[in-house]
N, C-alpha and C. Protein backbone atom coordinates (compact mmCIF):
# COMPACT_ATOMS: atom_id res chain seq x y z
N MET A 1 -1.56 -9.97 11.63
CA MET A 1 -0.90 -10.38 10.39
C MET A 1 0.47 -9.92 10.28
N ALA A 2 1.43 -10.78 10.37
CA ALA A 2 2.86 -10.54 10.27
C ALA A 2 3.13 -10.58 8.76
N LEU A 3 3.82 -9.60 8.24
CA LEU A 3 4.18 -9.55 6.86
C LEU A 3 5.70 -9.20 6.72
N ILE A 4 6.44 -10.04 6.22
CA ILE A 4 7.92 -9.66 6.03
C ILE A 4 8.24 -10.08 4.62
N PHE A 5 8.74 -9.16 3.85
CA PHE A 5 9.26 -9.42 2.45
C PHE A 5 10.50 -8.82 2.18
N ASN A 6 11.20 -9.35 1.16
CA ASN A 6 12.54 -8.81 0.71
C ASN A 6 12.04 -7.66 -0.31
N ALA A 7 12.70 -6.54 -0.10
CA ALA A 7 12.44 -5.36 -0.94
C ALA A 7 12.83 -5.70 -2.39
N MET A 8 13.68 -6.51 -2.54
CA MET A 8 13.99 -6.86 -4.00
C MET A 8 12.99 -7.63 -4.73
N GLU A 9 12.12 -8.36 -3.99
CA GLU A 9 11.09 -9.12 -4.62
C GLU A 9 9.82 -8.00 -5.04
N ASN A 10 8.92 -8.25 -5.76
CA ASN A 10 7.86 -7.49 -6.07
C ASN A 10 6.62 -8.08 -5.43
N PRO A 11 6.49 -7.79 -4.06
CA PRO A 11 5.24 -8.46 -3.52
C PRO A 11 4.03 -7.87 -3.97
N THR A 12 3.02 -8.56 -4.16
CA THR A 12 1.61 -8.00 -4.60
C THR A 12 0.69 -8.50 -3.65
N LEU A 13 -0.46 -7.81 -3.32
CA LEU A 13 -1.53 -8.22 -2.56
C LEU A 13 -2.06 -9.55 -3.09
N GLU A 14 -2.07 -9.64 -4.47
CA GLU A 14 -2.61 -10.99 -5.05
C GLU A 14 -1.82 -12.14 -4.59
N SER A 15 -0.56 -11.95 -4.80
CA SER A 15 0.45 -13.18 -4.22
C SER A 15 0.16 -13.55 -2.76
N MET A 16 0.01 -12.40 -1.99
CA MET A 16 -0.13 -12.61 -0.55
C MET A 16 -1.49 -13.25 -0.27
N SER A 17 -2.52 -12.89 -0.81
CA SER A 17 -3.82 -13.33 -0.59
C SER A 17 -3.90 -14.74 -1.08
N SER A 18 -3.28 -15.05 -2.21
CA SER A 18 -3.17 -16.64 -2.70
C SER A 18 -2.38 -17.34 -1.81
N HIS A 19 -1.46 -16.88 -1.19
CA HIS A 19 -0.58 -17.63 -0.22
C HIS A 19 -1.35 -17.97 1.04
N VAL A 20 -2.16 -17.07 1.55
CA VAL A 20 -2.94 -17.23 2.71
C VAL A 20 -4.39 -17.86 2.53
N GLY A 21 -4.60 -18.07 1.21
CA GLY A 21 -5.87 -18.70 0.85
C GLY A 21 -7.21 -17.61 1.10
N TYR A 22 -7.08 -16.56 1.03
CA TYR A 22 -8.24 -15.54 1.10
C TYR A 22 -8.34 -14.73 -0.24
N SER A 23 -9.66 -14.10 -0.43
CA SER A 23 -9.63 -13.25 -1.64
C SER A 23 -8.79 -11.95 -1.51
N HIS A 24 -8.50 -11.44 -2.81
CA HIS A 24 -7.81 -10.18 -2.77
C HIS A 24 -8.52 -9.01 -2.01
N TYR A 25 -9.73 -9.10 -2.17
CA TYR A 25 -10.59 -7.99 -1.57
C TYR A 25 -10.69 -8.22 -0.08
N TYR A 26 -10.80 -9.31 0.44
CA TYR A 26 -10.91 -9.62 1.95
C TYR A 26 -9.34 -9.20 2.57
N CYS A 27 -8.43 -9.76 1.90
CA CYS A 27 -7.01 -9.28 2.39
C CYS A 27 -6.84 -7.77 2.37
N SER A 28 -7.28 -7.08 1.38
CA SER A 28 -6.92 -5.56 1.27
C SER A 28 -7.72 -4.98 2.40
N ALA A 29 -8.95 -5.39 2.67
CA ALA A 29 -9.66 -4.80 3.71
C ALA A 29 -9.24 -5.04 5.10
N LYS A 30 -8.82 -6.35 5.25
CA LYS A 30 -8.15 -6.64 6.63
C LYS A 30 -6.82 -5.90 6.82
N PHE A 31 -5.95 -5.87 5.69
CA PHE A 31 -4.65 -5.26 5.95
C PHE A 31 -4.88 -3.72 6.21
N ARG A 32 -5.76 -3.12 5.54
CA ARG A 32 -6.01 -1.71 5.96
C ARG A 32 -6.53 -1.51 7.34
N GLU A 33 -7.41 -2.39 7.75
CA GLU A 33 -8.09 -2.33 8.97
C GLU A 33 -6.92 -2.56 10.13
N HIS A 34 -5.99 -3.34 9.88
CA HIS A 34 -5.12 -3.72 10.91
C HIS A 34 -3.67 -2.83 10.91
N VAL A 35 -3.43 -2.45 9.73
CA VAL A 35 -2.12 -1.61 9.56
C VAL A 35 -2.50 -0.24 9.42
N GLY A 36 -3.63 0.25 8.99
CA GLY A 36 -3.99 1.67 8.92
C GLY A 36 -3.82 2.40 7.56
N ILE A 37 -2.89 1.62 6.76
CA ILE A 37 -2.73 2.01 5.43
C ILE A 37 -2.97 1.03 4.29
N THR A 38 -2.95 1.31 3.17
CA THR A 38 -3.15 0.25 2.16
C THR A 38 -1.94 -0.53 1.92
N TYR A 39 -2.16 -1.79 1.37
CA TYR A 39 -0.95 -2.54 1.03
C TYR A 39 0.16 -1.90 0.23
N LYS A 40 -0.15 -1.22 -0.73
CA LYS A 40 0.54 -0.47 -1.81
C LYS A 40 1.30 0.62 -0.99
N GLN A 41 0.62 1.27 -0.06
CA GLN A 41 1.37 2.41 0.65
C GLN A 41 2.45 1.72 1.67
N TYR A 42 1.98 0.55 2.24
CA TYR A 42 2.97 -0.12 3.13
C TYR A 42 4.28 -0.53 2.39
N VAL A 43 4.09 -1.19 1.24
CA VAL A 43 5.15 -1.65 0.44
C VAL A 43 6.13 -0.49 -0.03
N ALA A 44 5.48 0.66 -0.36
CA ALA A 44 6.27 1.87 -0.69
C ALA A 44 6.98 2.48 0.48
N LYS A 45 6.33 2.39 1.69
CA LYS A 45 6.97 2.89 2.90
C LYS A 45 8.20 1.97 3.14
N CYS A 46 8.09 0.59 3.15
CA CYS A 46 9.14 -0.26 3.43
C CYS A 46 10.23 -0.03 2.51
N ARG A 47 9.94 0.06 1.27
CA ARG A 47 11.02 0.37 0.27
C ARG A 47 11.85 1.70 0.44
N LEU A 48 11.11 2.69 0.88
CA LEU A 48 11.86 4.03 1.17
C LEU A 48 12.75 3.90 2.48
N GLU A 49 12.05 3.09 3.60
CA GLU A 49 12.87 3.03 4.73
C GLU A 49 14.12 2.12 4.45
N ALA A 50 13.96 1.06 3.61
CA ALA A 50 15.21 0.36 3.19
C ALA A 50 16.24 1.12 2.48
N ALA A 51 15.88 2.13 1.63
CA ALA A 51 16.64 2.99 0.92
C ALA A 51 17.37 3.97 1.95
N VAL A 52 16.63 4.45 2.81
CA VAL A 52 17.23 5.32 3.82
C VAL A 52 18.34 4.70 4.61
N ARG A 53 18.06 3.34 4.96
CA ARG A 53 19.03 2.72 5.73
C ARG A 53 20.39 2.54 4.92
N LEU A 54 20.14 2.19 3.59
CA LEU A 54 21.27 1.98 2.68
C LEU A 54 22.10 3.37 2.51
N LEU A 55 21.31 4.45 2.24
CA LEU A 55 21.96 5.64 2.06
C LEU A 55 22.94 6.15 3.18
N VAL A 56 22.49 5.84 4.38
CA VAL A 56 23.23 6.32 5.55
C VAL A 56 24.40 5.31 6.09
N SER A 57 24.15 4.05 5.62
CA SER A 57 25.06 2.98 6.02
C SER A 57 26.06 2.53 5.02
N SER A 58 25.85 3.03 3.85
CA SER A 58 26.90 2.53 2.64
C SER A 58 27.21 3.71 1.78
N ASP A 59 28.20 3.35 1.03
CA ASP A 59 28.62 4.25 -0.05
C ASP A 59 28.11 3.82 -1.41
N ASP A 60 27.04 2.87 -1.50
CA ASP A 60 26.56 2.36 -2.74
C ASP A 60 26.10 3.57 -3.49
N LYS A 61 26.09 3.20 -4.85
CA LYS A 61 25.68 4.34 -5.74
C LYS A 61 24.16 4.31 -5.62
N ILE A 62 23.38 5.49 -5.91
CA ILE A 62 22.05 5.66 -5.83
C ILE A 62 21.33 4.60 -6.70
N ILE A 63 21.71 4.26 -7.90
CA ILE A 63 21.04 3.44 -8.80
C ILE A 63 21.15 1.98 -8.20
N ASP A 64 22.23 1.56 -7.51
CA ASP A 64 22.29 0.33 -6.86
C ASP A 64 21.43 0.17 -5.66
N ILE A 65 21.24 1.18 -5.00
CA ILE A 65 20.26 1.24 -3.80
C ILE A 65 18.90 1.28 -4.42
N ALA A 66 18.56 1.94 -5.50
CA ALA A 66 17.28 1.83 -6.11
C ALA A 66 16.76 0.41 -6.54
N PHE A 67 17.87 -0.25 -7.18
CA PHE A 67 17.45 -1.47 -7.53
C PHE A 67 17.31 -2.67 -6.45
N GLU A 68 18.21 -2.36 -5.43
CA GLU A 68 18.17 -3.24 -4.26
C GLU A 68 16.87 -3.10 -3.47
N CYS A 69 16.32 -1.85 -3.47
CA CYS A 69 15.12 -1.53 -2.77
C CYS A 69 13.76 -1.82 -3.63
N GLY A 70 13.88 -2.40 -4.82
CA GLY A 70 12.77 -2.69 -5.60
C GLY A 70 12.23 -1.66 -6.61
N TYR A 71 13.07 -0.59 -6.75
CA TYR A 71 12.77 0.51 -7.80
C TYR A 71 13.33 0.20 -9.14
N SER A 72 12.67 0.51 -10.17
CA SER A 72 13.08 0.19 -11.56
C SER A 72 14.22 1.10 -12.01
N SER A 73 14.34 2.33 -11.43
CA SER A 73 15.44 3.20 -11.78
C SER A 73 15.70 4.13 -10.65
N SER A 74 16.75 4.90 -10.84
CA SER A 74 17.12 5.84 -9.74
C SER A 74 16.09 6.97 -9.71
N GLU A 75 15.61 7.39 -10.99
CA GLU A 75 14.56 8.40 -11.03
C GLU A 75 13.35 8.07 -10.39
N SER A 76 12.98 6.84 -10.42
CA SER A 76 11.78 6.38 -9.47
C SER A 76 11.90 6.52 -8.13
N LEU A 77 13.18 6.11 -7.65
CA LEU A 77 13.49 6.24 -6.26
C LEU A 77 13.41 7.66 -5.75
N SER A 78 14.12 8.61 -6.72
CA SER A 78 14.15 10.08 -6.45
C SER A 78 12.74 10.63 -6.39
N ARG A 79 11.84 10.21 -7.28
CA ARG A 79 10.44 10.79 -7.23
C ARG A 79 9.89 10.37 -5.85
N ALA A 80 9.92 9.19 -5.52
CA ALA A 80 9.36 8.60 -4.19
C ALA A 80 9.95 9.41 -3.05
N PHE A 81 11.33 9.55 -3.03
CA PHE A 81 11.99 10.27 -2.08
C PHE A 81 11.78 11.69 -1.64
N VAL A 82 11.56 12.45 -3.03
CA VAL A 82 11.23 13.76 -2.79
C VAL A 82 9.79 13.93 -2.25
N LYS A 83 8.89 13.02 -2.66
CA LYS A 83 7.55 13.14 -2.20
C LYS A 83 7.51 12.93 -0.76
N ALA A 84 8.27 12.09 -0.20
CA ALA A 84 8.25 11.65 1.19
C ALA A 84 9.05 12.59 2.03
N TYR A 85 10.38 12.90 1.61
CA TYR A 85 11.29 13.71 2.39
C TYR A 85 11.64 14.98 1.98
N GLU A 86 11.04 15.47 0.90
CA GLU A 86 11.26 16.73 0.21
C GLU A 86 12.69 17.05 -0.08
N CYS A 87 13.40 16.04 -0.40
CA CYS A 87 14.82 16.22 -0.98
C CYS A 87 15.16 14.92 -1.70
N THR A 88 16.16 14.92 -2.37
CA THR A 88 16.65 13.77 -3.32
C THR A 88 17.36 12.90 -2.32
N PRO A 89 17.56 11.61 -2.87
CA PRO A 89 18.40 10.67 -2.13
C PRO A 89 19.77 11.22 -1.74
N THR A 90 20.45 11.82 -2.88
CA THR A 90 21.67 12.42 -2.74
C THR A 90 21.71 13.61 -1.70
N GLN A 91 20.74 14.37 -1.75
CA GLN A 91 20.62 15.53 -0.79
C GLN A 91 20.46 15.01 0.76
N TYR A 92 19.74 13.94 0.83
CA TYR A 92 19.54 13.31 2.09
C TYR A 92 20.83 12.69 2.64
N ARG A 93 21.60 12.10 1.74
CA ARG A 93 22.91 11.51 2.08
C ARG A 93 23.74 12.56 2.63
N LYS A 94 23.85 13.66 1.79
CA LYS A 94 24.73 14.79 2.21
C LYS A 94 24.33 15.30 3.55
N ARG A 95 23.03 15.54 3.75
CA ARG A 95 22.73 16.14 5.08
C ARG A 95 22.89 15.05 6.22
N TYR A 96 22.83 13.74 6.11
CA TYR A 96 23.17 12.97 7.06
C TYR A 96 24.55 12.87 7.39
N TYR A 97 25.39 12.77 6.42
CA TYR A 97 26.81 12.80 6.59
C TYR A 97 27.51 14.20 6.84
N GLY A 98 26.67 15.40 6.70
CA GLY A 98 27.03 16.63 7.00
C GLY A 98 28.10 17.15 6.00
N LEU A 99 28.07 16.70 4.85
CA LEU A 99 29.01 17.10 3.81
C LEU A 99 28.69 18.37 3.29
């Protein structure tokens, strides 16, 4: 099951299952079986990876990166970032650039 989405969109398992014509429960079970994590965890991981790419490849403001990656605020990006990387997006960017 190949899944590609734009981080700016708000992809849901419901919309995906409707698109492929299967129930939400069936798609959820199959997704976890094939990918090893839940759909929600997968989306969160993709959004964080997109944020990391933008942090290290651009000078965009954190708030702009947050919105571009599907977060509702820079605070929500920071919370997710701290949980995953044990630092804020600003700290990550400084470490990467060695500033």
